């Protein structure tokens, strides 16, 4: 196991607001067909069952056709909901890393590719059809056709802004945390997953450095035991002449010259 330094940050107000707007627009895009149908029937007094999907007899075929048209909005709705919950959850604590910001940015870029291409194509077709048959109902239908691709594009744009704001906040953040990272570890061989790999330690025998191999090792000075608790501490004296020793660990008496310790 080795250590890895990871920079963490929390989500601020701008990140949460952009994530919330991304979810709102994605939800509108996912439910656009019934909403546009209600508005059309209320304004033009002409009842229709669906705006753009086919009214098929089989419910599964109708659902599949709905998913084909509004798949991008549904996908962005789910992703932006997860991002919104994550941002609001980490608003007061540092739990977001650069990995989170990268996932949000690349997901948003992948989500807005198809709506951007479809919006340009629908815009050209709508302008041509409005010029040839200019009626209020035709304009309404072509605007709705344009919004099918425009709304998820707006949602992906707000999701992209949320990831960029988080990345900018991380670049100016000084809070880091040290985590354990497991590497080069395999399961035991009896389980059929290989053998454990030992860490690459230095296996050479340890030798203490010696400056001069011929230098004699000095003898250890005698240690005078400390008196037990409750005993009086007396000054050390020479056993031959009885004079007080200035150094308790002295080998010879400074008065008589005899050995103080046998």
C-alpha atoms as a PDB file:
ATOM      1  CA  UNK A   1       0.000   0.000   0.000  1.00  0.00           C
ATOM      2  CA  UNK A   2       1.246   3.449  -0.817  1.00  0.00           C
ATOM      3  CA  UNK A   3      -0.018   6.936  -0.160  1.00  0.00           C
ATOM      4  CA  UNK A   4      -1.727   9.232  -2.664  1.00  0.00           C
ATOM      5  CA  UNK A   5      -2.491  12.932  -2.270  1.00  0.00           C
ATOM      6  CA  UNK A   6      -6.017  13.860  -3.362  1.00  0.00           C
ATOM      7  CA  UNK A   7      -7.430  17.393  -3.568  1.00  0.00           C
ATOM      8  CA  UNK A   8     -11.022  17.743  -2.375  1.00  0.00           C
ATOM      9  CA  UNK A   9     -13.528  20.581  -2.342  1.00  0.00           C
ATOM     10  CA  UNK A  10     -17.186  21.260  -1.642  1.00  0.00           C
ATOM     11  CA  UNK A  11     -19.898  22.551  -3.958  1.00  0.00           C
ATOM     12  CA  UNK A  12     -20.815  26.226  -3.832  1.00  0.00           C
ATOM     13  CA  UNK A  13     -24.035  28.004  -4.773  1.00  0.00           C
ATOM     14  CA  UNK A  14     -23.229  28.384  -8.479  1.00  0.00           C
ATOM     15  CA  UNK A  15     -22.510  24.676  -8.920  1.00  0.00           C
ATOM     16  CA  UNK A  16     -25.789  23.727  -7.206  1.00  0.00           C
ATOM     17  CA  UNK A  17     -27.831  26.260  -9.214  1.00  0.00           C
ATOM     18  CA  UNK A  18     -26.423  25.090 -12.552  1.00  0.00           C
ATOM     19  CA  UNK A  19     -27.081  21.448 -11.615  1.00  0.00           C
ATOM     20  CA  UNK A  20     -30.656  22.336 -10.622  1.00  0.00           C
ATOM     21  CA  UNK A  21     -31.283  24.196 -13.902  1.00  0.00           C
ATOM     22  CA  UNK A  22     -29.852  21.262 -15.867  1.00  0.00           C
ATOM     23  CA  UNK A  23     -32.315  18.909 -14.164  1.00  0.00           C
ATOM     24  CA  UNK A  24     -35.294  21.262 -14.695  1.00  0.00           C
ATOM     25  CA  UNK A  25     -34.666  21.659 -18.434  1.00  0.00           C
ATOM     26  CA  UNK A  26     -33.965  17.942 -18.864  1.00  0.00           C
ATOM     27  CA  UNK A  27     -37.232  17.085 -17.085  1.00  0.00           C
ATOM     28  CA  UNK A  28     -39.129  19.497 -19.362  1.00  0.00           C
ATOM     29  CA  UNK A  29     -37.471  17.904 -22.398  1.00  0.00           C
ATOM     30  CA  UNK A  30     -38.352  14.384 -21.216  1.00  0.00           C
ATOM     31  CA  UNK A  31     -42.016  15.348 -20.725  1.00  0.00           C
ATOM     32  CA  UNK A  32     -42.194  17.679 -23.731  1.00  0.00           C
ATOM     33  CA  UNK A  33     -44.551  15.625 -25.885  1.00  0.00           C
ATOM     34  CA  UNK A  34     -47.530  15.545 -23.466  1.00  0.00           C
ATOM     35  CA  UNK A  35     -46.926  19.190 -22.477  1.00  0.00           C
ATOM     36  CA  UNK A  36     -46.862  20.350 -26.108  1.00  0.00           C
ATOM     37  CA  UNK A  37     -49.965  18.261 -26.844  1.00  0.00           C
ATOM     38  CA  UNK A  38     -51.901  19.930 -24.014  1.00  0.00           C
ATOM     39  CA  UNK A  39     -50.890  23.419 -25.187  1.00  0.00           C
ATOM     40  CA  UNK A  40     -51.777  22.600 -28.803  1.00  0.00           C
ATOM     41  CA  UNK A  41     -55.224  21.282 -27.904  1.00  0.00           C
ATOM     42  CA  UNK A  42     -55.932  24.264 -25.640  1.00  0.00           C
ATOM     43  CA  UNK A  43     -54.894  26.915 -28.206  1.00  0.00           C
ATOM     44  CA  UNK A  44     -56.086  25.468 -31.518  1.00  0.00           C
ATOM     45  CA  UNK A  45     -59.135  23.571 -30.254  1.00  0.00           C
ATOM     46  CA  UNK A  46     -58.024  20.540 -32.190  1.00  0.00           C
ATOM     47  CA  UNK A  47     -57.613  17.393 -30.157  1.00  0.00           C
ATOM     48  CA  UNK A  48     -54.561  15.270 -30.946  1.00  0.00           C
ATOM     49  CA  UNK A  49     -53.229  12.349 -28.928  1.00  0.00           C
ATOM     50  CA  UNK A  50     -49.506  12.950 -29.433  1.00  0.00           C
ATOM     51  CA  UNK A  51     -47.350  15.692 -30.835  1.00  0.00           C
ATOM     52  CA  UNK A  52     -44.526  13.821 -32.572  1.00  0.00           C
ATOM     53  CA  UNK A  53     -44.699  10.157 -31.616  1.00  0.00           C
ATOM     54  CA  UNK A  54     -46.840   7.693 -33.521  1.00  0.00           C
ATOM     55  CA  UNK A  55     -50.132   6.575 -31.983  1.00  0.00           C
ATOM     56  CA  UNK A  56     -49.535   2.856 -32.289  1.00  0.00           C
ATOM     57  CA  UNK A  57     -51.812   0.066 -31.128  1.00  0.00           C
ATOM     58  CA  UNK A  58     -49.057  -1.672 -29.194  1.00  0.00           C
ATOM     59  CA  UNK A  59     -48.081   0.161 -26.000  1.00  0.00           C
ATOM     60  CA  UNK A  60     -44.509  -1.107 -26.139  1.00  0.00           C
ATOM     61  CA  UNK A  61     -44.061   0.184 -29.685  1.00  0.00           C
ATOM     62  CA  UNK A  62     -45.398   3.581 -28.633  1.00  0.00           C
ATOM     63  CA  UNK A  63     -43.031   3.646 -25.660  1.00  0.00           C
ATOM     64  CA  UNK A  64     -40.113   2.620 -27.868  1.00  0.00           C
ATOM     65  CA  UNK A  65     -40.953   5.402 -30.316  1.00  0.00           C
ATOM     66  CA  UNK A  66     -41.072   7.881 -27.424  1.00  0.00           C
ATOM     67  CA  UNK A  67     -37.663   6.767 -26.199  1.00  0.00           C
ATOM     68  CA  UNK A  68     -36.225   7.153 -29.700  1.00  0.00           C
ATOM     69  CA  UNK A  69     -37.273  10.798 -29.930  1.00  0.00           C
ATOM     70  CA  UNK A  70     -36.652  11.900 -26.340  1.00  0.00           C
ATOM     71  CA  UNK A  71     -33.793   9.568 -25.362  1.00  0.00           C
ATOM     72  CA  UNK A  72     -31.281  12.395 -24.924  1.00  0.00           C
ATOM     73  CA  UNK A  73     -33.599  14.358 -22.636  1.00  0.00           C
ATOM     74  CA  UNK A  74     -34.348  11.265 -20.550  1.00  0.00           C
ATOM     75  CA  UNK A  75     -30.654  10.436 -20.234  1.00  0.00           C
ATOM     76  CA  UNK A  76     -29.761  14.010 -19.226  1.00  0.00           C
ATOM     77  CA  UNK A  77     -32.657  14.049 -16.773  1.00  0.00           C
ATOM     78  CA  UNK A  78     -31.275  11.008 -14.929  1.00  0.00           C
ATOM     79  CA  UNK A  79     -27.673  12.251 -14.999  1.00  0.00           C
ATOM     80  CA  UNK A  80     -28.530  15.799 -13.907  1.00  0.00           C
ATOM     81  CA  UNK A  81     -30.686  14.427 -11.069  1.00  0.00           C
ATOM     82  CA  UNK A  82     -27.730  12.406  -9.761  1.00  0.00           C
ATOM     83  CA  UNK A  83     -25.386  15.402 -10.136  1.00  0.00           C
ATOM     84  CA  UNK A  84     -27.866  17.721  -8.404  1.00  0.00           C
ATOM     85  CA  UNK A  85     -28.221  15.352  -5.416  1.00  0.00           C
ATOM     86  CA  UNK A  86     -24.425  14.976  -5.241  1.00  0.00           C
ATOM     87  CA  UNK A  87     -23.852  18.740  -5.338  1.00  0.00           C
ATOM     88  CA  UNK A  88     -26.423  19.533  -2.658  1.00  0.00           C
ATOM     89  CA  UNK A  89     -25.137  16.671  -0.495  1.00  0.00           C
ATOM     90  CA  UNK A  90     -21.558  18.025  -0.591  1.00  0.00           C
ATOM     91  CA  UNK A  91     -22.497  21.684  -0.185  1.00  0.00           C
ATOM     92  CA  UNK A  92     -21.148  21.848   3.361  1.00  0.00           C
ATOM     93  CA  UNK A  93     -18.399  19.232   3.319  1.00  0.00           C
ATOM     94  CA  UNK A  94     -15.365  18.574   1.173  1.00  0.00           C
ATOM     95  CA  UNK A  95     -16.103  15.357  -0.708  1.00  0.00           C
ATOM     96  CA  UNK A  96     -15.734  16.254  -4.406  1.00  0.00           C
ATOM     97  CA  UNK A  97     -12.573  15.535  -6.371  1.00  0.00           C
ATOM     98  CA  UNK A  98     -11.275  16.265  -9.849  1.00  0.00           C
ATOM     99  CA  UNK A  99     -12.651  12.892 -10.979  1.00  0.00           C
ATOM    100  CA  UNK A 100     -16.193  14.083 -10.250  1.00  0.00           C
ATOM    101  CA  UNK A 101     -15.667  17.298 -12.222  1.00  0.00           C
ATOM    102  CA  UNK A 102     -14.177  15.401 -15.186  1.00  0.00           C
ATOM    103  CA  UNK A 103     -17.075  12.938 -15.318  1.00  0.00           C
ATOM    104  CA  UNK A 104     -19.632  15.769 -15.279  1.00  0.00           C
ATOM    105  CA  UNK A 105     -17.841  17.726 -18.024  1.00  0.00           C
ATOM    106  CA  UNK A 106     -17.361  14.782 -20.394  1.00  0.00           C
ATOM    107  CA  UNK A 107     -20.909  13.523 -19.791  1.00  0.00           C
ATOM    108  CA  UNK A 108     -22.306  16.952 -20.632  1.00  0.00           C
ATOM    109  CA  UNK A 109     -20.204  17.185 -23.802  1.00  0.00           C
ATOM    110  CA  UNK A 110     -21.405  13.738 -24.899  1.00  0.00           C
ATOM    111  CA  UNK A 111     -25.010  14.669 -24.125  1.00  0.00           C
ATOM    112  CA  UNK A 112     -25.124  17.886 -26.157  1.00  0.00           C
ATOM    113  CA  UNK A 113     -23.601  16.474 -29.353  1.00  0.00           C
ATOM    114  CA  UNK A 114     -26.766  14.917 -30.789  1.00  0.00           C
ATOM    115  CA  UNK A 115     -29.110  17.800 -29.792  1.00  0.00           C
ATOM    116  CA  UNK A 116     -26.752  20.345 -31.374  1.00  0.00           C
ATOM    117  CA  UNK A 117     -26.691  18.504 -34.721  1.00  0.00           C
ATOM    118  CA  UNK A 118     -30.441  17.855 -34.657  1.00  0.00           C
ATOM    119  CA  UNK A 119     -31.248  21.456 -33.757  1.00  0.00           C
ATOM    120  CA  UNK A 120     -29.315  22.812 -36.751  1.00  0.00           C
ATOM    121  CA  UNK A 121     -31.044  20.349 -39.091  1.00  0.00           C
ATOM    122  CA  UNK A 122     -34.526  21.073 -37.694  1.00  0.00           C
ATOM    123  CA  UNK A 123     -33.922  24.815 -37.908  1.00  0.00           C
ATOM    124  CA  UNK A 124     -33.270  24.660 -41.644  1.00  0.00           C
ATOM    125  CA  UNK A 125     -36.286  22.423 -42.293  1.00  0.00           C
ATOM    126  CA  UNK A 126     -38.562  24.565 -40.118  1.00  0.00           C
ATOM    127  CA  UNK A 127     -37.638  27.783 -41.914  1.00  0.00           C
ATOM    128  CA  UNK A 128     -38.273  26.184 -45.312  1.00  0.00           C
ATOM    129  CA  UNK A 129     -41.676  24.785 -44.214  1.00  0.00           C
ATOM    130  CA  UNK A 130     -42.811  28.052 -42.600  1.00  0.00           C
ATOM    131  CA  UNK A 131     -41.988  29.967 -45.783  1.00  0.00           C
ATOM    132  CA  UNK A 132     -43.998  27.544 -47.907  1.00  0.00           C
ATOM    133  CA  UNK A 133     -47.003  27.261 -45.556  1.00  0.00           C
ATOM    134  CA  UNK A 134     -47.186  30.160 -43.121  1.00  0.00           C
ATOM    135  CA  UNK A 135     -49.972  29.501 -40.620  1.00  0.00           C
ATOM    136  CA  UNK A 136     -50.089  29.790 -36.854  1.00  0.00           C
ATOM    137  CA  UNK A 137     -50.424  26.068 -36.399  1.00  0.00           C
ATOM    138  CA  UNK A 138     -47.509  25.362 -38.716  1.00  0.00           C
ATOM    139  CA  UNK A 139     -45.307  27.816 -36.820  1.00  0.00           C
ATOM    140  CA  UNK A 140     -46.307  26.215 -33.511  1.00  0.00           C
ATOM    141  CA  UNK A 141     -45.513  22.714 -34.752  1.00  0.00           C
ATOM    142  CA  UNK A 142     -42.160  23.719 -36.206  1.00  0.00           C
ATOM    143  CA  UNK A 143     -41.180  25.604 -33.043  1.00  0.00           C
ATOM    144  CA  UNK A 144     -42.060  22.521 -30.989  1.00  0.00           C
ATOM    145  CA  UNK A 145     -40.007  20.393 -33.362  1.00  0.00           C
ATOM    146  CA  UNK A 146     -37.095  22.761 -32.821  1.00  0.00           C
ATOM    147  CA  UNK A 147     -37.520  22.683 -29.013  1.00  0.00           C
ATOM    148  CA  UNK A 148     -37.296  18.882 -28.954  1.00  0.00           C
ATOM    149  CA  UNK A 149     -33.551  19.328 -29.598  1.00  0.00           C
ATOM    150  CA  UNK A 150     -33.060  22.784 -28.116  1.00  0.00           C
ATOM    151  CA  UNK A 151     -34.236  21.944 -24.567  1.00  0.00           C
ATOM    152  CA  UNK A 152     -31.789  19.049 -23.959  1.00  0.00           C
ATOM    153  CA  UNK A 153     -29.051  21.229 -25.443  1.00  0.00           C
ATOM    154  CA  UNK A 154     -29.771  23.871 -22.798  1.00  0.00           C
ATOM    155  CA  UNK A 155     -29.819  21.200 -20.099  1.00  0.00           C
ATOM    156  CA  UNK A 156     -26.447  19.845 -21.209  1.00  0.00           C
ATOM    157  CA  UNK A 157     -25.051  23.379 -21.311  1.00  0.00           C
ATOM    158  CA  UNK A 158     -26.020  23.990 -17.668  1.00  0.00           C
ATOM    159  CA  UNK A 159     -24.591  20.609 -16.715  1.00  0.00           C
ATOM    160  CA  UNK A 160     -21.351  21.568 -18.442  1.00  0.00           C
ATOM    161  CA  UNK A 161     -21.271  24.871 -16.530  1.00  0.00           C
ATOM    162  CA  UNK A 162     -21.730  22.965 -13.271  1.00  0.00           C
ATOM    163  CA  UNK A 163     -18.719  20.753 -14.024  1.00  0.00           C
ATOM    164  CA  UNK A 164     -16.577  23.696 -15.140  1.00  0.00           C
ATOM    165  CA  UNK A 165     -17.400  25.685 -11.992  1.00  0.00           C
ATOM    166  CA  UNK A 166     -16.463  22.672  -9.886  1.00  0.00           C
ATOM    167  CA  UNK A 167     -13.171  22.282 -11.780  1.00  0.00           C
ATOM    168  CA  UNK A 168     -12.355  25.981 -11.302  1.00  0.00           C
ATOM    169  CA  UNK A 169     -13.120  25.709  -7.600  1.00  0.00           C
ATOM    170  CA  UNK A 170     -10.810  22.705  -7.329  1.00  0.00           C
ATOM    171  CA  UNK A 171      -7.975  24.558  -9.075  1.00  0.00           C
ATOM    172  CA  UNK A 172      -8.016  27.237  -6.375  1.00  0.00           C
ATOM    173  CA  UNK A 173      -8.559  24.836  -3.482  1.00  0.00           C
ATOM    174  CA  UNK A 174      -5.703  24.149  -1.056  1.00  0.00           C
ATOM    175  CA  UNK A 175      -7.381  21.369   0.944  1.00  0.00           C
ATOM    176  CA  UNK A 176      -5.762  17.973   0.300  1.00  0.00           C
ATOM    177  CA  UNK A 177      -6.171  14.580   1.936  1.00  0.00           C
ATOM    178  CA  UNK A 178      -3.808  11.606   2.033  1.00  0.00           C
ATOM    179  CA  UNK A 179      -5.411   8.254   1.211  1.00  0.00           C
ATOM    180  CA  UNK A 180      -4.133   4.686   1.020  1.00  0.00           C
ATOM    181  CA  UNK A 181      -3.850   3.258  -2.468  1.00  0.00           C
ATOM    182  CA  UNK A 182      -3.564  -0.510  -2.968  1.00  0.00           C
ATOM    183  CA  UNK A 183      -1.380  -1.612  -5.868  1.00  0.00           C
ATOM    184  CA  UNK A 184       0.132  -4.865  -7.141  1.00  0.00           C
ATOM    185  CA  UNK A 185      -1.879  -7.118  -4.804  1.00  0.00           C
ATOM    186  CA  UNK A 186      -3.322 -10.427  -5.967  1.00  0.00           C
ATOM    187  CA  UNK A 187      -5.410 -13.090  -4.240  1.00  0.00           C
ATOM    188  CA  UNK A 188      -3.752 -16.311  -2.954  1.00  0.00           C
ATOM    189  CA  UNK A 189      -3.065 -19.141  -5.388  1.00  0.00           C
ATOM    190  CA  UNK A 190      -5.480 -21.563  -3.734  1.00  0.00           C
ATOM    191  CA  UNK A 191      -8.382 -19.452  -4.967  1.00  0.00           C
ATOM    192  CA  UNK A 192      -7.101 -19.602  -8.541  1.00  0.00           C
ATOM    193  CA  UNK A 193      -6.345 -15.897  -8.824  1.00  0.00           C
ATOM    194  CA  UNK A 194      -2.573 -15.976  -8.752  1.00  0.00           C
ATOM    195  CA  UNK A 195      -0.083 -15.513  -5.928  1.00  0.00           C
ATOM    196  CA  UNK A 196       0.587 -12.716  -3.541  1.00  0.00           C
ATOM    197  CA  UNK A 197       3.326 -10.414  -4.715  1.00  0.00           C
ATOM    198  CA  UNK A 198       5.789  -9.455  -2.034  1.00  0.00           C
ATOM    199  CA  UNK A 199       6.880  -5.836  -1.773  1.00  0.00           C
ATOM    200  CA  UNK A 200      10.255  -5.147  -3.300  1.00  0.00           C
ATOM    201  CA  UNK A 201      12.237  -4.558  -0.086  1.00  0.00           C
ATOM    202  CA  UNK A 202      16.023  -4.589   0.076  1.00  0.00           C
ATOM    203  CA  UNK A 203      16.836  -8.175   1.085  1.00  0.00           C
ATOM    204  CA  UNK A 204      20.616  -7.705   1.564  1.00  0.00           C
ATOM    205  CA  UNK A 205      21.893  -8.384   5.141  1.00  0.00           C
ATOM    206  CA  UNK A 206      22.234  -5.289   7.259  1.00  0.00           C
ATOM    207  CA  UNK A 207      25.791  -4.370   8.310  1.00  0.00           C
ATOM    208  CA  UNK A 208      26.561  -1.572  10.717  1.00  0.00           C
ATOM    209  CA  UNK A 209      29.213   0.841   9.468  1.00  0.00           C
ATOM    210  CA  UNK A 210      32.519   0.618  11.349  1.00  0.00           C
ATOM    211  CA  UNK A 211      35.066   3.404  11.004  1.00  0.00           C
ATOM    212  CA  UNK A 212      38.017   1.482  12.461  1.00  0.00           C
ATOM    213  CA  UNK A 213      37.720  -2.270  12.841  1.00  0.00           C
ATOM    214  CA  UNK A 214      40.874  -2.502  15.077  1.00  0.00           C
ATOM    215  CA  UNK A 215      39.721   0.098  17.594  1.00  0.00           C
ATOM    216  CA  UNK A 216      39.069  -1.523  21.007  1.00  0.00           C
ATOM    217  CA  UNK A 217      35.589  -1.376  22.407  1.00  0.00           C
ATOM    218  CA  UNK A 218      35.646   0.688  25.637  1.00  0.00           C
ATOM    219  CA  UNK A 219      34.545  -1.114  28.763  1.00  0.00           C
ATOM    220  CA  UNK A 220      31.272  -0.038  30.258  1.00  0.00           C
ATOM    221  CA  UNK A 221      31.522   2.021  33.412  1.00  0.00           C
ATOM    222  CA  UNK A 222      30.134   0.361  36.523  1.00  0.00           C
ATOM    223  CA  UNK A 223      26.609   1.362  37.330  1.00  0.00           C
ATOM    224  CA  UNK A 224      25.869   2.221  40.956  1.00  0.00           C
ATOM    225  CA  UNK A 225      22.354   1.052  41.799  1.00  0.00           C
ATOM    226  CA  UNK A 226      19.939   3.698  42.986  1.00  0.00           C
ATOM    227  CA  UNK A 227      18.818   3.407  46.620  1.00  0.00           C
ATOM    228  CA  UNK A 228      15.422   1.891  47.256  1.00  0.00           C
ATOM    229  CA  UNK A 229      12.490   4.007  48.330  1.00  0.00           C
ATOM    230  CA  UNK A 230      12.744   5.004  51.996  1.00  0.00           C
ATOM    231  CA  UNK A 231      16.559   4.573  52.203  1.00  0.00           C
ATOM    232  CA  UNK A 232      18.860   7.537  52.851  1.00  0.00           C
ATOM    233  CA  UNK A 233      21.146   8.570  50.067  1.00  0.00           C
ATOM    234  CA  UNK A 234      24.795   8.580  51.320  1.00  0.00           C
ATOM    235  CA  UNK A 235      27.806  10.037  49.569  1.00  0.00           C
ATOM    236  CA  UNK A 236      30.097   7.418  47.959  1.00  0.00           C
ATOM    237  CA  UNK A 237      33.362   6.861  49.885  1.00  0.00           C
ATOM    238  CA  UNK A 238      36.594   5.059  49.189  1.00  0.00           C
ATOM    239  CA  UNK A 239      36.554   1.519  50.752  1.00  0.00           C
ATOM    240  CA  UNK A 240      40.271   1.834  51.686  1.00  0.00           C
ATOM    241  CA  UNK A 241      40.764   5.301  53.166  1.00  0.00           C
ATOM    242  CA  UNK A 242      37.144   6.366  53.710  1.00  0.00           C
ATOM    243  CA  UNK A 243      37.472   9.698  51.887  1.00  0.00           C
ATOM    244  CA  UNK A 244      34.493  11.059  49.952  1.00  0.00           C
ATOM    245  CA  UNK A 245      34.641  10.427  46.210  1.00  0.00           C
ATOM    246  CA  UNK A 246      34.013  13.488  44.095  1.00  0.00           C
ATOM    247  CA  UNK A 247      33.033  11.283  41.124  1.00  0.00           C
ATOM    248  CA  UNK A 248      30.861   8.301  42.121  1.00  0.00           C
ATOM    249  CA  UNK A 249      31.972   6.406  38.995  1.00  0.00           C
ATOM    250  CA  UNK A 250      35.729   6.985  39.527  1.00  0.00           C
ATOM    251  CA  UNK A 251      37.831   3.798  39.308  1.00  0.00           C
ATOM    252  CA  UNK A 252      40.609   5.079  41.614  1.00  0.00           C
ATOM    253  CA  UNK A 253      40.554   7.164  44.775  1.00  0.00           C
ATOM    254  CA  UNK A 254      42.045  10.627  44.359  1.00  0.00           C
ATOM    255  CA  UNK A 255      43.494  10.480  47.929  1.00  0.00           C
ATOM    256  CA  UNK A 256      44.983   7.009  48.416  1.00  0.00           C
ATOM    257  CA  UNK A 257      45.104   5.910  44.758  1.00  0.00           C
ATOM    258  CA  UNK A 258      43.510   2.522  45.478  1.00  0.00           C
ATOM    259  CA  UNK A 259      40.766   0.986  43.313  1.00  0.00           C
ATOM    260  CA  UNK A 260      37.330   2.032  44.407  1.00  0.00           C
ATOM    261  CA  UNK A 261      35.623  -0.940  42.717  1.00  0.00           C
ATOM    262  CA  UNK A 262      36.818  -4.557  42.528  1.00  0.00           C
END
